[in-house]
Amino acid sequence: MSKRKAYPSDLSDARWALIEPTLSAWRQARLDRRPTGQPATVELREIFNAILYVNR
């Protein structure tokens, strides 16, 4: 996880453990279809935390 301040809307480690396999599989499927094959540079957990923050 990054060194930023945690927000109340952030996922707990237990909740992240539940959804991480699904999101990682989705990301890997997208990377397999990417023509360049370059890995992603942003952490999935941070993206999901941002979505939860905006939704809140």
PDB file of N, CA and C in Angstrom:
ATOM      1  N   MET A   1       0.840  -1.174   0.000  1.00  0.00           N
ATOM      2  CA  MET A   1       0.000   0.000   0.000  1.00  0.00           C
ATOM      3  C   MET A   1       0.889   1.242   0.000  1.00  0.00           C
ATOM      4  N   SER A   2       0.362   2.320  -0.493  1.00  0.00           N
ATOM      5  CA  SER A   2       1.157   3.532  -0.619  1.00  0.00           C
ATOM      6  C   SER A   2       1.319   4.228   0.732  1.00  0.00           C
ATOM      7  N   LYS A   3       2.112   5.265   0.721  1.00  0.00           N
ATOM      8  CA  LYS A   3       2.428   6.000   1.949  1.00  0.00           C
ATOM      9  C   LYS A   3       1.488   7.184   2.173  1.00  0.00           C
ATOM     10  N   ARG A   4       0.318   7.163   1.587  1.00  0.00           N
ATOM     11  CA  ARG A   4      -0.606   8.278   1.757  1.00  0.00           C
ATOM     12  C   ARG A   4      -1.433   8.098   3.032  1.00  0.00           C
ATOM     13  N   LYS A   5      -2.108   9.165   3.414  1.00  0.00           N
ATOM     14  CA  LYS A   5      -2.984   9.132   4.588  1.00  0.00           C
ATOM     15  C   LYS A   5      -4.182   8.226   4.300  1.00  0.00           C
ATOM     16  N   ALA A   6      -4.532   7.399   5.250  1.00  0.00           N
ATOM     17  CA  ALA A   6      -5.681   6.501   5.063  1.00  0.00           C
ATOM     18  C   ALA A   6      -6.984   7.274   5.275  1.00  0.00           C
ATOM     19  N   TYR A   7      -7.965   6.970   4.463  1.00  0.00           N
ATOM     20  CA  TYR A   7      -9.285   7.584   4.581  1.00  0.00           C
ATOM     21  C   TYR A   7     -10.258   6.582   5.184  1.00  0.00           C
ATOM     22  N   PRO A   8     -11.326   7.061   5.806  1.00  0.00           N
ATOM     23  CA  PRO A   8     -12.311   6.135   6.382  1.00  0.00           C
ATOM     24  C   PRO A   8     -12.950   5.208   5.348  1.00  0.00           C
ATOM     25  N   SER A   9     -12.966   5.618   4.100  1.00  0.00           N
ATOM     26  CA  SER A   9     -13.588   4.805   3.056  1.00  0.00           C
ATOM     27  C   SER A   9     -12.661   3.720   2.513  1.00  0.00           C
ATOM     28  N   ASP A  10     -11.392   3.709   2.914  1.00  0.00           N
ATOM     29  CA  ASP A  10     -10.432   2.717   2.411  1.00  0.00           C
ATOM     30  C   ASP A  10     -10.819   1.305   2.838  1.00  0.00           C
ATOM     31  N   LEU A  11     -10.444   0.355   1.990  1.00  0.00           N
ATOM     32  CA  LEU A  11     -10.696  -1.049   2.286  1.00  0.00           C
ATOM     33  C   LEU A  11      -9.807  -1.545   3.410  1.00  0.00           C
ATOM     34  N   SER A  12     -10.361  -2.383   4.245  1.00  0.00           N
ATOM     35  CA  SER A  12      -9.542  -3.046   5.258  1.00  0.00           C
ATOM     36  C   SER A  12      -8.772  -4.180   4.575  1.00  0.00           C
ATOM     37  N   ASP A  13      -7.760  -4.692   5.256  1.00  0.00           N
ATOM     38  CA  ASP A  13      -6.983  -5.797   4.704  1.00  0.00           C
ATOM     39  C   ASP A  13      -7.855  -7.030   4.481  1.00  0.00           C
ATOM     40  N   ALA A  14      -8.801  -7.273   5.386  1.00  0.00           N
ATOM     41  CA  ALA A  14      -9.679  -8.442   5.262  1.00  0.00           C
ATOM     42  C   ALA A  14     -10.588  -8.317   4.039  1.00  0.00           C
ATOM     43  N   ARG A  15     -11.151  -7.150   3.821  1.00  0.00           N
ATOM     44  CA  ARG A  15     -12.012  -6.962   2.639  1.00  0.00           C
ATOM     45  C   ARG A  15     -11.206  -7.018   1.350  1.00  0.00           C
ATOM     46  N   TRP A  16     -10.000  -6.459   1.377  1.00  0.00           N
ATOM     47  CA  TRP A  16      -9.159  -6.517   0.191  1.00  0.00           C
ATOM     48  C   TRP A  16      -8.815  -7.960  -0.151  1.00  0.00           C
ATOM     49  N   ALA A  17      -8.576  -8.787   0.860  1.00  0.00           N
ATOM     50  CA  ALA A  17      -8.247 -10.190   0.628  1.00  0.00           C
ATOM     51  C   ALA A  17      -9.395 -10.917  -0.075  1.00  0.00           C
ATOM     52  N   LEU A  18     -10.623 -10.463   0.137  1.00  0.00           N
ATOM     53  CA  LEU A  18     -11.779 -11.093  -0.512  1.00  0.00           C
ATOM     54  C   LEU A  18     -11.891 -10.737  -1.996  1.00  0.00           C
ATOM     55  N   ILE A  19     -11.599  -9.489  -2.345  1.00  0.00           N
ATOM     56  CA  ILE A  19     -11.818  -9.062  -3.734  1.00  0.00           C
ATOM     57  C   ILE A  19     -10.553  -9.051  -4.586  1.00  0.00           C
ATOM     58  N   GLU A  20      -9.389  -9.114  -3.959  1.00  0.00           N
ATOM     59  CA  GLU A  20      -8.131  -9.030  -4.701  1.00  0.00           C
ATOM     60  C   GLU A  20      -7.955 -10.118  -5.756  1.00  0.00           C
ATOM     61  N   PRO A  21      -8.311 -11.372  -5.485  1.00  0.00           N
ATOM     62  CA  PRO A  21      -8.133 -12.387  -6.534  1.00  0.00           C
ATOM     63  C   PRO A  21      -8.942 -12.098  -7.800  1.00  0.00           C
ATOM     64  N   THR A  22     -10.151 -11.605  -7.628  1.00  0.00           N
ATOM     65  CA  THR A  22     -10.999 -11.293  -8.785  1.00  0.00           C
ATOM     66  C   THR A  22     -10.420 -10.136  -9.593  1.00  0.00           C
ATOM     67  N   LEU A  23     -10.006  -9.079  -8.905  1.00  0.00           N
ATOM     68  CA  LEU A  23      -9.459  -7.924  -9.611  1.00  0.00           C
ATOM     69  C   LEU A  23      -8.111  -8.249 -10.262  1.00  0.00           C
ATOM     70  N   SER A  24      -7.307  -9.056  -9.604  1.00  0.00           N
ATOM     71  CA  SER A  24      -6.018  -9.439 -10.191  1.00  0.00           C
ATOM     72  C   SER A  24      -6.212 -10.296 -11.439  1.00  0.00           C
ATOM     73  N   ALA A  25      -7.185 -11.188 -11.415  1.00  0.00           N
ATOM     74  CA  ALA A  25      -7.479 -12.002 -12.596  1.00  0.00           C
ATOM     75  C   ALA A  25      -7.958 -11.120 -13.743  1.00  0.00           C
ATOM     76  N   TRP A  26      -8.793 -10.134 -13.437  1.00  0.00           N
ATOM     77  CA  TRP A  26      -9.282  -9.205 -14.459  1.00  0.00           C
ATOM     78  C   TRP A  26      -8.108  -8.428 -15.060  1.00  0.00           C
ATOM     79  N   ARG A  27      -7.222  -7.945 -14.187  1.00  0.00           N
ATOM     80  CA  ARG A  27      -6.077  -7.178 -14.681  1.00  0.00           C
ATOM     81  C   ARG A  27      -5.166  -8.039 -15.547  1.00  0.00           C
ATOM     82  N   GLN A  28      -4.926  -9.256 -15.142  1.00  0.00           N
ATOM     83  CA  GLN A  28      -4.059 -10.145 -15.921  1.00  0.00           C
ATOM     84  C   GLN A  28      -4.665 -10.441 -17.295  1.00  0.00           C
ATOM     85  N   ALA A  29      -5.980 -10.625 -17.339  1.00  0.00           N
ATOM     86  CA  ALA A  29      -6.645 -10.853 -18.623  1.00  0.00           C
ATOM     87  C   ALA A  29      -6.488  -9.639 -19.534  1.00  0.00           C
ATOM     88  N   ARG A  30      -6.566  -8.451 -18.979  1.00  0.00           N
ATOM     89  CA  ARG A  30      -6.375  -7.236 -19.775  1.00  0.00           C
ATOM     90  C   ARG A  30      -4.941  -7.114 -20.248  1.00  0.00           C
ATOM     91  N   LEU A  31      -3.975  -7.443 -19.385  1.00  0.00           N
ATOM     92  CA  LEU A  31      -2.565  -7.351 -19.780  1.00  0.00           C
ATOM     93  C   LEU A  31      -2.235  -8.356 -20.872  1.00  0.00           C
ATOM     94  N   ASP A  32      -2.873  -9.517 -20.823  1.00  0.00           N
ATOM     95  CA  ASP A  32      -2.640 -10.527 -21.856  1.00  0.00           C
ATOM     96  C   ASP A  32      -3.112 -10.054 -23.222  1.00  0.00           C
ATOM     97  N   ARG A  33      -4.128  -9.198 -23.258  1.00  0.00           N
ATOM     98  CA  ARG A  33      -4.651  -8.680 -24.527  1.00  0.00           C
ATOM     99  C   ARG A  33      -3.950  -7.403 -24.977  1.00  0.00           C
ATOM    100  N   ARG A  34      -3.166  -6.806 -24.107  1.00  0.00           N
ATOM    101  CA  ARG A  34      -2.501  -5.544 -24.427  1.00  0.00           C
ATOM    102  C   ARG A  34      -1.397  -5.780 -25.451  1.00  0.00           C
ATOM    103  N   PRO A  35      -1.389  -5.002 -26.536  1.00  0.00           N
ATOM    104  CA  PRO A  35      -0.383  -5.221 -27.579  1.00  0.00           C
ATOM    105  C   PRO A  35       1.053  -5.016 -27.093  1.00  0.00           C
ATOM    106  N   THR A  36       1.270  -4.073 -26.197  1.00  0.00           N
ATOM    107  CA  THR A  36       2.636  -3.791 -25.752  1.00  0.00           C
ATOM    108  C   THR A  36       3.091  -4.756 -24.676  1.00  0.00           C
ATOM    109  N   GLY A  37       2.165  -5.308 -23.913  1.00  0.00           N
ATOM    110  CA  GLY A  37       2.517  -6.227 -22.843  1.00  0.00           C
ATOM    111  C   GLY A  37       3.154  -5.561 -21.644  1.00  0.00           C
ATOM    112  N   GLN A  38       3.107  -4.247 -21.589  1.00  0.00           N
ATOM    113  CA  GLN A  38       3.692  -3.527 -20.467  1.00  0.00           C
ATOM    114  C   GLN A  38       2.849  -3.721 -19.210  1.00  0.00           C
ATOM    115  N   PRO A  39       3.493  -3.900 -18.069  1.00  0.00           N
ATOM    116  CA  PRO A  39       2.736  -4.065 -16.824  1.00  0.00           C
ATOM    117  C   PRO A  39       2.090  -2.754 -16.388  1.00  0.00           C
ATOM    118  N   ALA A  40       1.052  -2.865 -15.613  1.00  0.00           N
ATOM    119  CA  ALA A  40       0.376  -1.687 -15.095  1.00  0.00           C
ATOM    120  C   ALA A  40       1.253  -1.007 -14.058  1.00  0.00           C
ATOM    121  N   THR A  41       1.103   0.294 -13.924  1.00  0.00           N
ATOM    122  CA  THR A  41       1.947   1.042 -12.999  1.00  0.00           C
ATOM    123  C   THR A  41       1.204   1.492 -11.745  1.00  0.00           C
ATOM    124  N   VAL A  42      -0.095   1.261 -11.680  1.00  0.00           N
ATOM    125  CA  VAL A  42      -0.910   1.710 -10.549  1.00  0.00           C
ATOM    126  C   VAL A  42      -1.427   0.491  -9.795  1.00  0.00           C
ATOM    127  N   GLU A  43      -1.429   0.584  -8.472  1.00  0.00           N
ATOM    128  CA  GLU A  43      -1.920  -0.515  -7.656  1.00  0.00           C
ATOM    129  C   GLU A  43      -3.449  -0.598  -7.719  1.00  0.00           C
ATOM    130  N   LEU A  44      -3.960  -1.815  -7.867  1.00  0.00           N
ATOM    131  CA  LEU A  44      -5.405  -2.005  -7.930  1.00  0.00           C
ATOM    132  C   LEU A  44      -6.093  -1.547  -6.657  1.00  0.00           C
ATOM    133  N   ARG A  45      -5.472  -1.775  -5.531  1.00  0.00           N
ATOM    134  CA  ARG A  45      -6.093  -1.391  -4.259  1.00  0.00           C
ATOM    135  C   ARG A  45      -6.275   0.122  -4.184  1.00  0.00           C
ATOM    136  N   GLU A  46      -5.311   0.876  -4.680  1.00  0.00           N
ATOM    137  CA  GLU A  46      -5.426   2.332  -4.669  1.00  0.00           C
ATOM    138  C   GLU A  46      -6.546   2.808  -5.600  1.00  0.00           C
ATOM    139  N   ILE A  47      -6.693   2.156  -6.733  1.00  0.00           N
ATOM    140  CA  ILE A  47      -7.775   2.509  -7.648  1.00  0.00           C
ATOM    141  C   ILE A  47      -9.122   2.235  -6.985  1.00  0.00           C
ATOM    142  N   PHE A  48      -9.242   1.073  -6.363  1.00  0.00           N
ATOM    143  CA  PHE A  48     -10.495   0.708  -5.716  1.00  0.00           C
ATOM    144  C   PHE A  48     -10.783   1.641  -4.545  1.00  0.00           C
ATOM    145  N   ASN A  49      -9.765   2.021  -3.777  1.00  0.00           N
ATOM    146  CA  ASN A  49      -9.961   2.976  -2.688  1.00  0.00           C
ATOM    147  C   ASN A  49     -10.434   4.324  -3.227  1.00  0.00           C
ATOM    148  N   ALA A  50      -9.911   4.753  -4.354  1.00  0.00           N
ATOM    149  CA  ALA A  50     -10.334   6.024  -4.952  1.00  0.00           C
ATOM    150  C   ALA A  50     -11.795   5.962  -5.382  1.00  0.00           C
ATOM    151  N   ILE A  51     -12.200   4.845  -5.963  1.00  0.00           N
ATOM    152  CA  ILE A  51     -13.603   4.684  -6.359  1.00  0.00           C
ATOM    153  C   ILE A  51     -14.506   4.738  -5.131  1.00  0.00           C
ATOM    154  N   LEU A  52     -14.119   4.069  -4.070  1.00  0.00           N
ATOM    155  CA  LEU A  52     -14.918   4.103  -2.840  1.00  0.00           C
ATOM    156  C   LEU A  52     -14.973   5.500  -2.247  1.00  0.00           C
ATOM    157  N   TYR A  53     -13.884   6.253  -2.320  1.00  0.00           N
ATOM    158  CA  TYR A  53     -13.854   7.605  -1.791  1.00  0.00           C
ATOM    159  C   TYR A  53     -14.817   8.509  -2.561  1.00  0.00           C
ATOM    160  N   VAL A  54     -14.778   8.430  -3.888  1.00  0.00           N
ATOM    161  CA  VAL A  54     -15.663   9.260  -4.710  1.00  0.00           C
ATOM    162  C   VAL A  54     -17.112   8.847  -4.508  1.00  0.00           C
ATOM    163  N   ASN A  55     -17.357   7.553  -4.381  1.00  0.00           N
ATOM    164  CA  ASN A  55     -18.710   7.059  -4.195  1.00  0.00           C
ATOM    165  C   ASN A  55     -19.284   7.497  -2.840  1.00  0.00           C
ATOM    166  N   ARG A  56     -18.406   7.627  -1.862  1.00  0.00           N
ATOM    167  CA  ARG A  56     -18.826   8.001  -0.521  1.00  0.00           C
ATOM    168  C   ARG A  56     -19.385   9.394  -0.540  1.00  0.00           C
TER     169      ARG A  56
END
